Amino acid sequence: MRKFIQELYNMYREKLSGDEEDADFLAFSVLEELNREDLMEFIQEMGTQELTDMVGLYMIEHLKALIGEEQISEMKSVDHSNGRIIH
């Protein structure tokens, strides 16, 4: 997988603007073209550490999303006119 990512980067590095959105766009563009079988092949080629890193990042991103959703929900339940929590 690392080799694939390096090759992908090398192919597009002259076209990248240098911000994080480049990585998002490039990754999602590639993922859009892959099917489940392709993804499973990538996973099977990964070493233990690389697989652990991938799952760890997945968990972190989902936990951040859940925490963010909870904070938004809590903010909506606060009565901003007097600072009381609405139940």
Protein backbone atom coordinates (compact mmCIF):
# COMPACT_ATOMS: atom_id res chain seq x y z
CA MET A 1 0.00 0.00 0.00
CA ARG A 2 2.81 2.41 0.85
CA LYS A 3 4.37 1.77 -2.55
CA PHE A 4 1.04 2.50 -4.26
CA ILE A 5 0.64 5.73 -2.30
CA GLN A 6 4.20 6.81 -3.13
CA GLU A 7 3.60 6.11 -6.83
CA LEU A 8 0.32 8.03 -6.70
CA TYR A 9 2.05 10.96 -5.03
CA ASN A 10 4.86 10.91 -7.58
CA MET A 11 2.35 10.96 -10.44
CA TYR A 12 0.47 14.00 -9.10
CA ARG A 13 2.97 15.95 -7.00
CA GLU A 14 3.52 18.58 -9.70
CA LYS A 15 -0.23 19.25 -9.75
CA LEU A 16 -0.74 19.49 -5.98
CA SER A 17 -1.17 22.87 -4.32
CA GLY A 18 0.29 21.78 -0.99
CA ASP A 19 -2.76 21.77 1.26
CA GLU A 20 -4.60 18.93 2.97
CA GLU A 21 -7.49 19.15 0.52
CA ASP A 22 -5.17 17.74 -2.16
CA ALA A 23 -4.79 14.54 -0.15
CA ASP A 24 -8.55 14.28 0.41
CA PHE A 25 -9.34 14.84 -3.25
CA LEU A 26 -6.70 12.43 -4.49
CA ALA A 27 -7.60 9.69 -2.02
CA PHE A 28 -11.34 9.91 -2.64
CA SER A 29 -10.81 10.02 -6.40
CA VAL A 30 -8.81 6.80 -6.27
CA LEU A 31 -11.19 5.11 -3.82
CA GLU A 32 -14.10 5.91 -6.10
CA GLU A 33 -12.49 3.76 -8.79
CA LEU A 34 -11.73 0.77 -6.55
CA ASN A 35 -14.08 -2.06 -5.72
CA ARG A 36 -14.19 -4.19 -2.58
CA GLU A 37 -11.89 -6.80 -4.10
CA ASP A 38 -9.26 -4.14 -4.87
CA LEU A 39 -9.48 -2.81 -1.32
CA MET A 40 -9.15 -6.27 0.18
CA GLU A 41 -6.07 -6.88 -1.95
CA PHE A 42 -4.47 -3.72 -0.54
CA ILE A 43 -5.32 -4.84 2.99
CA GLN A 44 -3.90 -8.31 2.46
CA GLU A 45 -0.62 -6.80 1.27
CA MET A 46 -0.27 -4.68 4.42
CA GLY A 47 2.04 -5.59 7.24
CA THR A 48 0.75 -5.74 10.79
CA GLN A 49 1.94 -2.23 11.70
CA GLU A 50 0.47 -0.67 8.57
CA LEU A 51 -2.87 -2.40 9.18
CA THR A 52 -2.82 -1.31 12.83
CA ASP A 53 -2.09 2.28 11.76
CA MET A 54 -4.94 2.24 9.25
CA VAL A 55 -7.48 0.87 11.72
CA GLY A 56 -6.21 3.28 14.37
CA LEU A 57 -6.74 6.28 12.09
CA TYR A 58 -10.20 5.00 11.19
CA MET A 59 -11.11 4.68 14.87
CA ILE A 60 -9.72 8.12 15.73
CA GLU A 61 -11.63 9.84 12.92
CA HIS A 62 -14.90 8.17 13.87
CA LEU A 63 -14.43 8.97 17.55
CA LYS A 64 -13.71 12.61 16.66
CA ALA A 65 -16.90 12.69 14.59
CA LEU A 66 -18.96 11.25 17.46
CA ILE A 67 -17.44 13.68 19.94
CA GLY A 68 -18.12 16.56 17.56
CA GLU A 69 -21.73 15.47 17.07
CA GLU A 70 -22.21 15.25 20.83
CA GLN A 71 -20.75 18.72 21.37
CA ILE A 72 -23.05 20.18 18.71
CA SER A 73 -26.01 18.45 20.32
CA GLU A 74 -25.04 19.83 23.73
CA MET A 75 -24.62 23.34 22.31
CA LYS A 76 -28.10 23.17 20.80
CA SER A 77 -29.58 22.19 24.16
CA VAL A 78 -28.19 25.26 25.96
CA ASP A 79 -30.60 28.17 26.25
CA HIS A 80 -28.24 30.95 25.18
CA SER A 81 -30.46 33.71 26.54
CA ASN A 82 -29.87 32.70 30.15
CA GLY A 83 -27.23 29.95 29.93
CA ARG A 84 -29.54 27.20 31.19
CA ILE A 85 -29.53 23.70 29.80
CA ILE A 86 -32.82 22.73 28.20
CA HIS A 87 -33.94 19.13 28.78
